[in-house]
PDB file of N, CA and C in Angstrom:
ATOM      1  N   MET A   1     -21.575   2.852   9.958  1.00  0.00           N
ATOM      2  CA  MET A   1     -20.954   2.098   8.878  1.00  0.00           C
ATOM      3  C   MET A   1     -20.202   3.030   7.923  1.00  0.00           C
ATOM      4  N   LYS A   2     -20.752   4.231   7.671  1.00  0.00           N
ATOM      5  CA  LYS A   2     -20.075   5.167   6.772  1.00  0.00           C
ATOM      6  C   LYS A   2     -18.714   5.582   7.317  1.00  0.00           C
ATOM      7  N   THR A   3     -18.632   5.767   8.611  1.00  0.00           N
ATOM      8  CA  THR A   3     -17.364   6.140   9.224  1.00  0.00           C
ATOM      9  C   THR A   3     -16.349   5.023   9.045  1.00  0.00           C
ATOM     10  N   ALA A   4     -16.794   3.787   9.223  1.00  0.00           N
ATOM     11  CA  ALA A   4     -15.895   2.646   9.062  1.00  0.00           C
ATOM     12  C   ALA A   4     -15.376   2.564   7.633  1.00  0.00           C
ATOM     13  N   ILE A   5     -16.255   2.767   6.660  1.00  0.00           N
ATOM     14  CA  ILE A   5     -15.833   2.737   5.255  1.00  0.00           C
ATOM     15  C   ILE A   5     -14.817   3.844   4.991  1.00  0.00           C
ATOM     16  N   LEU A   6     -15.053   5.019   5.529  1.00  0.00           N
ATOM     17  CA  LEU A   6     -14.110   6.121   5.361  1.00  0.00           C
ATOM     18  C   LEU A   6     -12.755   5.760   5.964  1.00  0.00           C
ATOM     19  N   TYR A   7     -12.751   5.191   7.164  1.00  0.00           N
ATOM     20  CA  TYR A   7     -11.503   4.769   7.790  1.00  0.00           C
ATOM     21  C   TYR A   7     -10.796   3.701   6.951  1.00  0.00           C
ATOM     22  N   ILE A   8     -11.560   2.758   6.451  1.00  0.00           N
ATOM     23  CA  ILE A   8     -10.987   1.702   5.611  1.00  0.00           C
ATOM     24  C   ILE A   8     -10.328   2.308   4.379  1.00  0.00           C
ATOM     25  N   LEU A   9     -11.048   3.195   3.701  1.00  0.00           N
ATOM     26  CA  LEU A   9     -10.528   3.779   2.464  1.00  0.00           C
ATOM     27  C   LEU A   9      -9.297   4.652   2.720  1.00  0.00           C
ATOM     28  N   ILE A  10      -9.306   5.410   3.815  1.00  0.00           N
ATOM     29  CA  ILE A  10      -8.124   6.210   4.160  1.00  0.00           C
ATOM     30  C   ILE A  10      -6.947   5.285   4.469  1.00  0.00           C
ATOM     31  N   GLY A  11      -7.215   4.221   5.200  1.00  0.00           N
ATOM     32  CA  GLY A  11      -6.164   3.259   5.519  1.00  0.00           C
ATOM     33  C   GLY A  11      -5.582   2.606   4.275  1.00  0.00           C
ATOM     34  N   VAL A  12      -6.450   2.219   3.362  1.00  0.00           N
ATOM     35  CA  VAL A  12      -6.000   1.580   2.121  1.00  0.00           C
ATOM     36  C   VAL A  12      -5.223   2.573   1.254  1.00  0.00           C
ATOM     37  N   LEU A  13      -5.740   3.784   1.126  1.00  0.00           N
ATOM     38  CA  LEU A  13      -5.055   4.800   0.320  1.00  0.00           C
ATOM     39  C   LEU A  13      -3.693   5.139   0.925  1.00  0.00           C
ATOM     40  N   GLY A  14      -3.643   5.317   2.238  1.00  0.00           N
ATOM     41  CA  GLY A  14      -2.369   5.605   2.891  1.00  0.00           C
ATOM     42  C   GLY A  14      -1.367   4.481   2.727  1.00  0.00           C
ATOM     43  N   SER A  15      -1.850   3.261   2.829  1.00  0.00           N
ATOM     44  CA  SER A  15      -0.986   2.107   2.639  1.00  0.00           C
ATOM     45  C   SER A  15      -0.400   2.078   1.233  1.00  0.00           C
ATOM     46  N   ALA A  16      -1.241   2.339   0.247  1.00  0.00           N
ATOM     47  CA  ALA A  16      -0.787   2.333  -1.149  1.00  0.00           C
ATOM     48  C   ALA A  16       0.208   3.463  -1.418  1.00  0.00           C
ATOM     49  N   ILE A  17      -0.094   4.651  -0.918  1.00  0.00           N
ATOM     50  CA  ILE A  17       0.822   5.781  -1.106  1.00  0.00           C
ATOM     51  C   ILE A  17       2.156   5.480  -0.420  1.00  0.00           C
ATOM     52  N   GLY A  18       2.084   4.919   0.776  1.00  0.00           N
ATOM     53  CA  GLY A  18       3.301   4.545   1.486  1.00  0.00           C
ATOM     54  C   GLY A  18       4.134   3.555   0.686  1.00  0.00           C
ATOM     55  N   GLN A  19       3.484   2.567   0.089  1.00  0.00           N
ATOM     56  CA  GLN A  19       4.198   1.567  -0.707  1.00  0.00           C
ATOM     57  C   GLN A  19       4.887   2.187  -1.917  1.00  0.00           C
ATOM     58  N   VAL A  20       4.196   3.096  -2.578  1.00  0.00           N
ATOM     59  CA  VAL A  20       4.790   3.755  -3.753  1.00  0.00           C
ATOM     60  C   VAL A  20       6.010   4.572  -3.336  1.00  0.00           C
ATOM     61  N   LEU A  21       5.913   5.284  -2.227  1.00  0.00           N
ATOM     62  CA  LEU A  21       7.065   6.049  -1.748  1.00  0.00           C
ATOM     63  C   LEU A  21       8.214   5.137  -1.324  1.00  0.00           C
ATOM     64  N   LEU A  22       7.880   4.019  -0.689  1.00  0.00           N
ATOM     65  CA  LEU A  22       8.919   3.058  -0.314  1.00  0.00           C
ATOM     66  C   LEU A  22       9.649   2.543  -1.554  1.00  0.00           C
ATOM     67  N   LYS A  23       8.898   2.213  -2.585  1.00  0.00           N
ATOM     68  CA  LYS A  23       9.514   1.719  -3.824  1.00  0.00           C
ATOM     69  C   LYS A  23      10.370   2.796  -4.473  1.00  0.00           C
ATOM     70  N   LYS A  24       9.860   4.014  -4.512  1.00  0.00           N
ATOM     71  CA  LYS A  24      10.622   5.116  -5.103  1.00  0.00           C
ATOM     72  C   LYS A  24      11.945   5.309  -4.354  1.00  0.00           C
ATOM     73  N   GLY A  25      11.891   5.266  -3.047  1.00  0.00           N
ATOM     74  CA  GLY A  25      13.102   5.394  -2.251  1.00  0.00           C
ATOM     75  C   GLY A  25      14.060   4.240  -2.464  1.00  0.00           C
ATOM     76  N   MET A  26      13.534   3.032  -2.536  1.00  0.00           N
ATOM     77  CA  MET A  26      14.404   1.868  -2.739  1.00  0.00           C
ATOM     78  C   MET A  26      14.998   1.850  -4.143  1.00  0.00           C
ATOM     79  N   ASN A  27      14.305   2.437  -5.102  1.00  0.00           N
ATOM     80  CA  ASN A  27      14.900   2.584  -6.443  1.00  0.00           C
ATOM     81  C   ASN A  27      16.160   3.442  -6.367  1.00  0.00           C
ATOM     82  N   ASN A  28      16.133   4.464  -5.512  1.00  0.00           N
ATOM     83  CA  ASN A  28      17.306   5.326  -5.339  1.00  0.00           C
ATOM     84  C   ASN A  28      18.445   4.599  -4.630  1.00  0.00           C
ATOM     85  N   ILE A  29      18.114   3.738  -3.688  1.00  0.00           N
ATOM     86  CA  ILE A  29      19.128   3.004  -2.933  1.00  0.00           C
ATOM     87  C   ILE A  29      19.732   1.891  -3.785  1.00  0.00           C
ATOM     88  N   GLY A  30      18.894   1.215  -4.544  1.00  0.00           N
ATOM     89  CA  GLY A  30      19.369   0.095  -5.355  1.00  0.00           C
ATOM     90  C   GLY A  30      19.067  -1.235  -4.690  1.00  0.00           C
ATOM     91  N   ALA A  31      19.482  -2.294  -5.340  1.00  0.00           N
ATOM     92  CA  ALA A  31      19.215  -3.647  -4.843  1.00  0.00           C
ATOM     93  C   ALA A  31      19.898  -3.852  -3.499  1.00  0.00           C
ATOM     94  N   VAL A  32      19.180  -4.443  -2.575  1.00  0.00           N
ATOM     95  CA  VAL A  32      19.681  -4.675  -1.225  1.00  0.00           C
ATOM     96  C   VAL A  32      19.800  -6.177  -1.000  1.00  0.00           C
ATOM     97  N   THR A  33      20.931  -6.589  -0.481  1.00  0.00           N
ATOM     98  CA  THR A  33      21.119  -7.971  -0.046  1.00  0.00           C
ATOM     99  C   THR A  33      21.273  -7.932   1.468  1.00  0.00           C
ATOM    100  N   LEU A  34      20.390  -8.618   2.142  1.00  0.00           N
ATOM    101  CA  LEU A  34      20.407  -8.596   3.603  1.00  0.00           C
ATOM    102  C   LEU A  34      21.497  -9.526   4.129  1.00  0.00           C
ATOM    103  N   SER A  35      22.373  -8.952   4.897  1.00  0.00           N
ATOM    104  CA  SER A  35      23.389  -9.739   5.587  1.00  0.00           C
ATOM    105  C   SER A  35      23.569  -9.124   6.971  1.00  0.00           C
ATOM    106  N   LEU A  36      23.871  -9.949   7.926  1.00  0.00           N
ATOM    107  CA  LEU A  36      23.937  -9.505   9.307  1.00  0.00           C
ATOM    108  C   LEU A  36      24.983  -8.413   9.511  1.00  0.00           C
ATOM    109  N   ASN A  37      26.141  -8.550   8.883  1.00  0.00           N
ATOM    110  CA  ASN A  37      27.187  -7.548   9.101  1.00  0.00           C
ATOM    111  C   ASN A  37      26.890  -6.232   8.378  1.00  0.00           C
ATOM    112  N   GLN A  38      26.064  -6.245   7.361  1.00  0.00           N
ATOM    113  CA  GLN A  38      25.710  -5.028   6.623  1.00  0.00           C
ATOM    114  C   GLN A  38      24.382  -4.411   7.079  1.00  0.00           C
ATOM    115  N   LEU A  39      23.686  -5.091   7.978  1.00  0.00           N
ATOM    116  CA  LEU A  39      22.348  -4.658   8.380  1.00  0.00           C
ATOM    117  C   LEU A  39      22.293  -3.225   8.913  1.00  0.00           C
ATOM    118  N   PRO A  40      23.184  -2.800   9.801  1.00  0.00           N
ATOM    119  CA  PRO A  40      23.115  -1.408  10.278  1.00  0.00           C
ATOM    120  C   PRO A  40      23.253  -0.393   9.135  1.00  0.00           C
ATOM    121  N   LEU A  41      24.159  -0.625   8.206  1.00  0.00           N
ATOM    122  CA  LEU A  41      24.341   0.284   7.077  1.00  0.00           C
ATOM    123  C   LEU A  41      23.102   0.297   6.184  1.00  0.00           C
ATOM    124  N   ILE A  42      22.560  -0.866   5.923  1.00  0.00           N
ATOM    125  CA  ILE A  42      21.369  -0.968   5.068  1.00  0.00           C
ATOM    126  C   ILE A  42      20.195  -0.241   5.718  1.00  0.00           C
ATOM    127  N   LEU A  43      20.003  -0.473   7.006  1.00  0.00           N
ATOM    128  CA  LEU A  43      18.904   0.194   7.711  1.00  0.00           C
ATOM    129  C   LEU A  43      19.096   1.708   7.705  1.00  0.00           C
ATOM    130  N   TRP A  44      20.335   2.158   7.881  1.00  0.00           N
ATOM    131  CA  TRP A  44      20.599   3.588   7.843  1.00  0.00           C
ATOM    132  C   TRP A  44      20.286   4.164   6.465  1.00  0.00           C
ATOM    133  N   GLN A  45      20.685   3.472   5.407  1.00  0.00           N
ATOM    134  CA  GLN A  45      20.378   3.931   4.052  1.00  0.00           C
ATOM    135  C   GLN A  45      18.869   4.045   3.857  1.00  0.00           C
ATOM    136  N   MET A  46      18.142   3.097   4.393  1.00  0.00           N
ATOM    137  CA  MET A  46      16.683   3.097   4.226  1.00  0.00           C
ATOM    138  C   MET A  46      16.041   4.264   4.973  1.00  0.00           C
ATOM    139  N   VAL A  47      16.326   4.400   6.256  1.00  0.00           N
ATOM    140  CA  VAL A  47      15.633   5.428   7.043  1.00  0.00           C
ATOM    141  C   VAL A  47      16.145   6.833   6.752  1.00  0.00           C
ATOM    142  N   SER A  48      17.336   6.947   6.177  1.00  0.00           N
ATOM    143  CA  SER A  48      17.841   8.281   5.845  1.00  0.00           C
ATOM    144  C   SER A  48      17.407   8.725   4.452  1.00  0.00           C
ATOM    145  N   ASN A  49      16.756   7.833   3.703  1.00  0.00           N
ATOM    146  CA  ASN A  49      16.210   8.196   2.401  1.00  0.00           C
ATOM    147  C   ASN A  49      14.842   8.848   2.636  1.00  0.00           C
ATOM    148  N   LEU A  50      14.660  10.060   2.133  1.00  0.00           N
ATOM    149  CA  LEU A  50      13.442  10.823   2.417  1.00  0.00           C
ATOM    150  C   LEU A  50      12.178  10.088   1.961  1.00  0.00           C
ATOM    151  N   ASN A  51      12.209   9.502   0.767  1.00  0.00           N
ATOM    152  CA  ASN A  51      11.026   8.782   0.280  1.00  0.00           C
ATOM    153  C   ASN A  51      10.697   7.591   1.170  1.00  0.00           C
ATOM    154  N   VAL A  52      11.708   6.839   1.570  1.00  0.00           N
ATOM    155  CA  VAL A  52      11.473   5.695   2.450  1.00  0.00           C
ATOM    156  C   VAL A  52      10.950   6.175   3.804  1.00  0.00           C
ATOM    157  N   PHE A  53      11.557   7.202   4.346  1.00  0.00           N
ATOM    158  CA  PHE A  53      11.139   7.715   5.652  1.00  0.00           C
ATOM    159  C   PHE A  53       9.685   8.197   5.623  1.00  0.00           C
ATOM    160  N   ILE A  54       9.345   9.011   4.637  1.00  0.00           N
ATOM    161  CA  ILE A  54       7.969   9.516   4.535  1.00  0.00           C
ATOM    162  C   ILE A  54       7.009   8.367   4.233  1.00  0.00           C
ATOM    163  N   GLY A  55       7.437   7.435   3.390  1.00  0.00           N
ATOM    164  CA  GLY A  55       6.604   6.267   3.092  1.00  0.00           C
ATOM    165  C   GLY A  55       6.282   5.475   4.339  1.00  0.00           C
ATOM    166  N   LEU A  56       7.272   5.295   5.206  1.00  0.00           N
ATOM    167  CA  LEU A  56       7.036   4.581   6.460  1.00  0.00           C
ATOM    168  C   LEU A  56       6.077   5.335   7.372  1.00  0.00           C
ATOM    169  N   ILE A  57       6.212   6.652   7.439  1.00  0.00           N
ATOM    170  CA  ILE A  57       5.325   7.473   8.275  1.00  0.00           C
ATOM    171  C   ILE A  57       3.881   7.372   7.763  1.00  0.00           C
ATOM    172  N   ILE A  58       3.706   7.510   6.448  1.00  0.00           N
ATOM    173  CA  ILE A  58       2.355   7.418   5.869  1.00  0.00           C
ATOM    174  C   ILE A  58       1.777   6.029   6.081  1.00  0.00           C
ATOM    175  N   TYR A  59       2.605   5.024   5.896  1.00  0.00           N
ATOM    176  CA  TYR A  59       2.157   3.646   6.101  1.00  0.00           C
ATOM    177  C   TYR A  59       1.711   3.441   7.550  1.00  0.00           C
ATOM    178  N   LEU A  60       2.487   3.954   8.497  1.00  0.00           N
ATOM    179  CA  LEU A  60       2.116   3.854   9.906  1.00  0.00           C
ATOM    180  C   LEU A  60       0.808   4.590  10.175  1.00  0.00           C
ATOM    181  N   GLY A  61       0.651   5.771   9.586  1.00  0.00           N
ATOM    182  CA  GLY A  61      -0.608   6.507   9.739  1.00  0.00           C
ATOM    183  C   GLY A  61      -1.790   5.730   9.203  1.00  0.00           C
ATOM    184  N   SER A  62      -1.581   5.020   8.107  1.00  0.00           N
ATOM    185  CA  SER A  62      -2.676   4.231   7.526  1.00  0.00           C
ATOM    186  C   SER A  62      -3.088   3.102   8.466  1.00  0.00           C
ATOM    187  N   VAL A  63      -2.131   2.566   9.205  1.00  0.00           N
ATOM    188  CA  VAL A  63      -2.441   1.504  10.169  1.00  0.00           C
ATOM    189  C   VAL A  63      -3.372   2.017  11.262  1.00  0.00           C
ATOM    190  N   ILE A  64      -3.197   3.255  11.673  1.00  0.00           N
ATOM    191  CA  ILE A  64      -4.065   3.835  12.700  1.00  0.00           C
ATOM    192  C   ILE A  64      -5.513   3.890  12.210  1.00  0.00           C
ATOM    193  N   PHE A  65      -5.713   4.329  10.961  1.00  0.00           N
ATOM    194  CA  PHE A  65      -7.065   4.349  10.397  1.00  0.00           C
ATOM    195  C   PHE A  65      -7.609   2.932  10.241  1.00  0.00           C
ATOM    196  N   TRP A  66      -6.738   2.001   9.843  1.00  0.00           N
ATOM    197  CA  TRP A  66      -7.166   0.611   9.668  1.00  0.00           C
ATOM    198  C   TRP A  66      -7.635   0.033  11.005  1.00  0.00           C
ATOM    199  N   LEU A  67      -6.899   0.311  12.064  1.00  0.00           N
ATOM    200  CA  LEU A  67      -7.291  -0.178  13.381  1.00  0.00           C
ATOM    201  C   LEU A  67      -8.614   0.437  13.838  1.00  0.00           C
ATOM    202  N   ALA A  68      -8.808   1.724  13.545  1.00  0.00           N
ATOM    203  CA  ALA A  68     -10.082   2.366  13.880  1.00  0.00           C
ATOM    204  C   ALA A  68     -11.227   1.696  13.124  1.00  0.00           C
ATOM    205  N   ALA A  69     -10.976   1.349  11.871  1.00  0.00           N
ATOM    206  CA  ALA A  69     -12.017   0.659  11.081  1.00  0.00           C
ATOM    207  C   ALA A  69     -12.315  -0.715  11.677  1.00  0.00           C
ATOM    208  N   LEU A  70     -11.260  -1.428  12.065  1.00  0.00           N
ATOM    209  CA  LEU A  70     -11.471  -2.770  12.628  1.00  0.00           C
ATOM    210  C   LEU A  70     -12.223  -2.723  13.945  1.00  0.00           C
ATOM    211  N   SER A  71     -12.179  -1.593  14.628  1.00  0.00           N
ATOM    212  CA  SER A  71     -12.933  -1.473  15.876  1.00  0.00           C
ATOM    213  C   SER A  71     -14.430  -1.342  15.606  1.00  0.00           C
ATOM    214  N   ARG A  72     -14.807  -1.117  14.335  1.00  0.00           N
ATOM    215  CA  ARG A  72     -16.207  -0.858  13.991  1.00  0.00           C
ATOM    216  C   ARG A  72     -16.859  -1.954  13.161  1.00  0.00           C
ATOM    217  N   VAL A  73     -16.055  -2.696  12.377  1.00  0.00           N
ATOM    218  CA  VAL A  73     -16.640  -3.696  11.474  1.00  0.00           C
ATOM    219  C   VAL A  73     -15.887  -5.016  11.591  1.00  0.00           C
ATOM    220  N   ASP A  74     -16.505  -6.068  11.068  1.00  0.00           N
ATOM    221  CA  ASP A  74     -15.870  -7.380  11.047  1.00  0.00           C
ATOM    222  C   ASP A  74     -14.649  -7.370  10.142  1.00  0.00           C
ATOM    223  N   LEU A  75     -13.653  -8.126  10.520  1.00  0.00           N
ATOM    224  CA  LEU A  75     -12.452  -8.255   9.703  1.00  0.00           C
ATOM    225  C   LEU A  75     -12.794  -8.865   8.341  1.00  0.00           C
ATOM    226  N   SER A  76     -13.719  -9.812   8.322  1.00  0.00           N
ATOM    227  CA  SER A  76     -14.101 -10.449   7.062  1.00  0.00           C
ATOM    228  C   SER A  76     -14.779  -9.473   6.104  1.00  0.00           C
ATOM    229  N   TYR A  77     -15.295  -8.380   6.614  1.00  0.00           N
ATOM    230  CA  TYR A  77     -15.860  -7.316   5.776  1.00  0.00           C
ATOM    231  C   TYR A  77     -14.767  -6.336   5.348  1.00  0.00           C
ATOM    232  N   ALA A  78     -13.919  -5.937   6.288  1.00  0.00           N
ATOM    233  CA  ALA A  78     -12.920  -4.897   6.022  1.00  0.00           C
ATOM    234  C   ALA A  78     -11.766  -5.398   5.158  1.00  0.00           C
ATOM    235  N   TYR A  79     -11.311  -6.613   5.416  1.00  0.00           N
ATOM    236  CA  TYR A  79     -10.069  -7.063   4.788  1.00  0.00           C
ATOM    237  C   TYR A  79     -10.098  -7.103   3.262  1.00  0.00           C
ATOM    238  N   PRO A  80     -11.189  -7.506   2.641  1.00  0.00           N
ATOM    239  CA  PRO A  80     -11.189  -7.469   1.174  1.00  0.00           C
ATOM    240  C   PRO A  80     -10.952  -6.073   0.593  1.00  0.00           C
ATOM    241  N   PHE A  81     -11.300  -5.043   1.343  1.00  0.00           N
ATOM    242  CA  PHE A  81     -11.060  -3.678   0.861  1.00  0.00           C
ATOM    243  C   PHE A  81      -9.564  -3.388   0.729  1.00  0.00           C
ATOM    244  N   ALA A  82      -8.754  -4.097   1.494  1.00  0.00           N
ATOM    245  CA  ALA A  82      -7.302  -3.904   1.401  1.00  0.00           C
ATOM    246  C   ALA A  82      -6.805  -4.190  -0.015  1.00  0.00           C
ATOM    247  N   SER A  83      -7.520  -5.031  -0.741  1.00  0.00           N
ATOM    248  CA  SER A  83      -7.091  -5.344  -2.104  1.00  0.00           C
ATOM    249  C   SER A  83      -7.295  -4.168  -3.064  1.00  0.00           C
ATOM    250  N   LEU A  84      -8.028  -3.143  -2.632  1.00  0.00           N
ATOM    251  CA  LEU A  84      -8.121  -1.934  -3.453  1.00  0.00           C
ATOM    252  C   LEU A  84      -6.755  -1.279  -3.624  1.00  0.00           C
ATOM    253  N   SER A  85      -5.870  -1.561  -2.682  1.00  0.00           N
ATOM    254  CA  SER A  85      -4.515  -1.010  -2.809  1.00  0.00           C
ATOM    255  C   SER A  85      -3.833  -1.541  -4.060  1.00  0.00           C
ATOM    256  N   TYR A  86      -4.222  -2.737  -4.527  1.00  0.00           N
ATOM    257  CA  TYR A  86      -3.650  -3.270  -5.775  1.00  0.00           C
ATOM    258  C   TYR A  86      -3.940  -2.330  -6.933  1.00  0.00           C
ATOM    259  N   LEU A  87      -5.170  -1.860  -7.005  1.00  0.00           N
ATOM    260  CA  LEU A  87      -5.557  -0.954  -8.091  1.00  0.00           C
ATOM    261  C   LEU A  87      -4.830   0.383  -7.964  1.00  0.00           C
ATOM    262  N   ILE A  88      -4.783   0.919  -6.756  1.00  0.00           N
ATOM    263  CA  ILE A  88      -4.116   2.202  -6.535  1.00  0.00           C
ATOM    264  C   ILE A  88      -2.633   2.090  -6.869  1.00  0.00           C
ATOM    265  N   VAL A  89      -1.998   1.031  -6.391  1.00  0.00           N
ATOM    266  CA  VAL A  89      -0.570   0.847  -6.637  1.00  0.00           C
ATOM    267  C   VAL A  89      -0.308   0.600  -8.122  1.00  0.00           C
ATOM    268  N   LEU A  90      -1.177  -0.136  -8.785  1.00  0.00           N
ATOM    269  CA  LEU A  90      -1.009  -0.388 -10.219  1.00  0.00           C
ATOM    270  C   LEU A  90      -0.996   0.927 -10.994  1.00  0.00           C
ATOM    271  N   VAL A  91      -1.963   1.790 -10.739  1.00  0.00           N
ATOM    272  CA  VAL A  91      -2.051   3.075 -11.440  1.00  0.00           C
ATOM    273  C   VAL A  91      -0.871   3.970 -11.056  1.00  0.00           C
ATOM    274  N   ALA A  92      -0.554   4.042  -9.768  1.00  0.00           N
ATOM    275  CA  ALA A  92       0.555   4.887  -9.317  1.00  0.00           C
ATOM    276  C   ALA A  92       1.891   4.388  -9.859  1.00  0.00           C
ATOM    277  N   SER A  93       2.057   3.085  -9.940  1.00  0.00           N
ATOM    278  CA  SER A  93       3.305   2.535 -10.483  1.00  0.00           C
ATOM    279  C   SER A  93       3.471   2.895 -11.947  1.00  0.00           C
ATOM    280  N   TRP A  94       2.384   2.875 -12.668  1.00  0.00           N
ATOM    281  CA  TRP A  94       2.408   3.224 -14.091  1.00  0.00           C
ATOM    282  C   TRP A  94       2.680   4.722 -14.270  1.00  0.00           C
ATOM    283  N   VAL A  95       1.967   5.549 -13.505  1.00  0.00           N
ATOM    284  CA  VAL A  95       2.056   6.999 -13.669  1.00  0.00           C
ATOM    285  C   VAL A  95       3.330   7.569 -13.047  1.00  0.00           C
ATOM    286  N   LEU A  96       3.634   7.175 -11.817  1.00  0.00           N
ATOM    287  CA  LEU A  96       4.730   7.816 -11.077  1.00  0.00           C
ATOM    288  C   LEU A  96       6.078   7.107 -11.212  1.00  0.00           C
ATOM    289  N   LEU A  97       6.039   5.787 -11.413  1.00  0.00           N
ATOM    290  CA  LEU A  97       7.287   5.028 -11.475  1.00  0.00           C
ATOM    291  C   LEU A  97       7.615   4.545 -12.889  1.00  0.00           C
ATOM    292  N   ASN A  98       6.744   4.882 -13.829  1.00  0.00           N
ATOM    293  CA  ASN A  98       6.932   4.497 -15.237  1.00  0.00           C
ATOM    294  C   ASN A  98       7.077   2.984 -15.431  1.00  0.00           C
ATOM    295  N   GLU A  99       6.363   2.226 -14.613  1.00  0.00           N
ATOM    296  CA  GLU A  99       6.391   0.776 -14.757  1.00  0.00           C
ATOM    297  C   GLU A  99       5.477   0.354 -15.906  1.00  0.00           C
ATOM    298  N   LYS A 100       5.867  -0.687 -16.567  1.00  0.00           N
ATOM    299  CA  LYS A 100       5.044  -1.239 -17.647  1.00  0.00           C
ATOM    300  C   LYS A 100       4.010  -2.174 -17.020  1.00  0.00           C
ATOM    301  N   ILE A 101       2.755  -1.993 -17.423  1.00  0.00           N
ATOM    302  CA  ILE A 101       1.657  -2.792 -16.876  1.00  0.00           C
ATOM    303  C   ILE A 101       1.128  -3.686 -17.990  1.00  0.00           C
ATOM    304  N   SER A 102       1.225  -4.985 -17.792  1.00  0.00           N
ATOM    305  CA  SER A 102       0.750  -5.923 -18.814  1.00  0.00           C
ATOM    306  C   SER A 102      -0.778  -5.964 -18.802  1.00  0.00           C
ATOM    307  N   PRO A 103      -1.375  -6.309 -19.936  1.00  0.00           N
ATOM    308  CA  PRO A 103      -2.843  -6.427 -19.982  1.00  0.00           C
ATOM    309  C   PRO A 103      -3.382  -7.437 -18.962  1.00  0.00           C
ATOM    310  N   PHE A 104      -2.670  -8.538 -18.757  1.00  0.00           N
ATOM    311  CA  PHE A 104      -3.141  -9.532 -17.796  1.00  0.00           C
ATOM    312  C   PHE A 104      -3.097  -8.998 -16.360  1.00  0.00           C
ATOM    313  N   ARG A 105      -2.080  -8.216 -16.035  1.00  0.00           N
ATOM    314  CA  ARG A 105      -2.001  -7.603 -14.705  1.00  0.00           C
ATOM    315  C   ARG A 105      -3.152  -6.620 -14.517  1.00  0.00           C
ATOM    316  N   LEU A 106      -3.453  -5.859 -15.560  1.00  0.00           N
ATOM    317  CA  LEU A 106      -4.554  -4.907 -15.506  1.00  0.00           C
ATOM    318  C   LEU A 106      -5.897  -5.625 -15.346  1.00  0.00           C
ATOM    319  N   ILE A 107      -6.119  -6.648 -16.131  1.00  0.00           N
ATOM    320  CA  ILE A 107      -7.379  -7.402 -16.054  1.00  0.00           C
ATOM    321  C   ILE A 107      -7.536  -8.035 -14.670  1.00  0.00           C
ATOM    322  N   GLY A 108      -6.475  -8.643 -14.168  1.00  0.00           N
ATOM    323  CA  GLY A 108      -6.537  -9.271 -12.842  1.00  0.00           C
ATOM    324  C   GLY A 108      -6.868  -8.267 -11.755  1.00  0.00           C
ATOM    325  N   THR A 109      -6.295  -7.081 -11.852  1.00  0.00           N
ATOM    326  CA  THR A 109      -6.549  -6.044 -10.852  1.00  0.00           C
ATOM    327  C   THR A 109      -7.987  -5.543 -10.938  1.00  0.00           C
ATOM    328  N   VAL A 110      -8.507  -5.413 -12.142  1.00  0.00           N
ATOM    329  CA  VAL A 110      -9.902  -4.989 -12.317  1.00  0.00           C
ATOM    330  C   VAL A 110     -10.847  -6.041 -11.733  1.00  0.00           C
ATOM    331  N   VAL A 111     -10.547  -7.304 -11.939  1.00  0.00           N
ATOM    332  CA  VAL A 111     -11.379  -8.378 -11.383  1.00  0.00           C
ATOM    333  C   VAL A 111     -11.398  -8.298  -9.855  1.00  0.00           C
ATOM    334  N   ILE A 112     -10.241  -8.031  -9.256  1.00  0.00           N
ATOM    335  CA  ILE A 112     -10.175  -7.866  -7.800  1.00  0.00           C
ATOM    336  C   ILE A 112     -11.053  -6.690  -7.362  1.00  0.00           C
ATOM    337  N   GLY A 113     -10.976  -5.581  -8.096  1.00  0.00           N
ATOM    338  CA  GLY A 113     -11.802  -4.411  -7.787  1.00  0.00           C
ATOM    339  C   GLY A 113     -13.288  -4.724  -7.864  1.00  0.00           C
ATOM    340  N   ILE A 114     -13.677  -5.503  -8.844  1.00  0.00           N
ATOM    341  CA  ILE A 114     -15.085  -5.902  -8.969  1.00  0.00           C
ATOM    342  C   ILE A 114     -15.492  -6.747  -7.758  1.00  0.00           C
ATOM    343  N   GLY A 115     -14.604  -7.617  -7.317  1.00  0.00           N
ATOM    344  CA  GLY A 115     -14.886  -8.427  -6.130  1.00  0.00           C
ATOM    345  C   GLY A 115     -15.116  -7.569  -4.902  1.00  0.00           C
ATOM    346  N   VAL A 116     -14.300  -6.542  -4.722  1.00  0.00           N
ATOM    347  CA  VAL A 116     -14.476  -5.639  -3.584  1.00  0.00           C
ATOM    348  C   VAL A 116     -15.811  -4.921  -3.683  1.00  0.00           C
ATOM    349  N   LEU A 117     -16.164  -4.491  -4.873  1.00  0.00           N
ATOM    350  CA  LEU A 117     -17.450  -3.822  -5.071  1.00  0.00           C
ATOM    351  C   LEU A 117     -18.608  -4.748  -4.698  1.00  0.00           C
ATOM    352  N   LEU A 118     -18.511  -6.013  -5.053  1.00  0.00           N
ATOM    353  CA  LEU A 118     -19.562  -6.973  -4.698  1.00  0.00           C
ATOM    354  C   LEU A 118     -19.673  -7.143  -3.181  1.00  0.00           C
ATOM    355  N   ILE A 119     -18.534  -7.182  -2.490  1.00  0.00           N
ATOM    356  CA  ILE A 119     -18.560  -7.304  -1.036  1.00  0.00           C
ATOM    357  C   ILE A 119     -19.185  -6.075  -0.398  1.00  0.00           C
ATOM    358  N   TYR A 120     -18.847  -4.895  -0.934  1.00  0.00           N
ATOM    359  CA  TYR A 120     -19.397  -3.662  -0.403  1.00  0.00           C
ATOM    360  C   TYR A 120     -20.910  -3.593  -0.604  1.00  0.00           C
ATOM    361  N   ARG A 121     -21.361  -3.993  -1.768  1.00  0.00           N
ATOM    362  CA  ARG A 121     -22.789  -3.874  -2.104  1.00  0.00           C
ATOM    363  C   ARG A 121     -23.650  -4.953  -1.449  1.00  0.00           C
ATOM    364  N   PHE A 122     -23.080  -6.107  -1.187  1.00  0.00           N
ATOM    365  CA  PHE A 122     -23.902  -7.213  -0.678  1.00  0.00           C
ATOM    366  C   PHE A 122     -23.323  -7.701   0.601  1.00  0.00           C
TER     367      PHE A 122
END
C-alpha cells in the first residue's frame, strides 16, 4: 500500500507541475482560437514552446506513475487523491504565476484537501 501511495503522490505532483508549466508556456503564446486552417501553426507554437514541451513530458511521466498506482489499488481509492493537484496548483499559481487567489477559492481547496485526508485515513 505504501508503494501505491508513493506512486499516486508522484503522479499527482507531476500532473500539477506539468499543468503549471503548460500554463506558463501558454501565457507566452497568448490566447489561442482553434480553427482548422490554423491548427498546424497553433500546434507548432505549442510544442516548440519549451515550457509547454517540458510540461507535456512531465505530465506524461506522471501518467506512468498513475497507471502503476492503479495496478495496485482501487480506482475509487486512488482517484480522490488526484484532487490534491488542486492544492498544489493553487499554491504554484500564486507563487510562480502571480495569480490572485480569492479567499473562497482557498477555502474550497482546503476543504477538498481535508476530504482527501479523510479518504486516506479511513
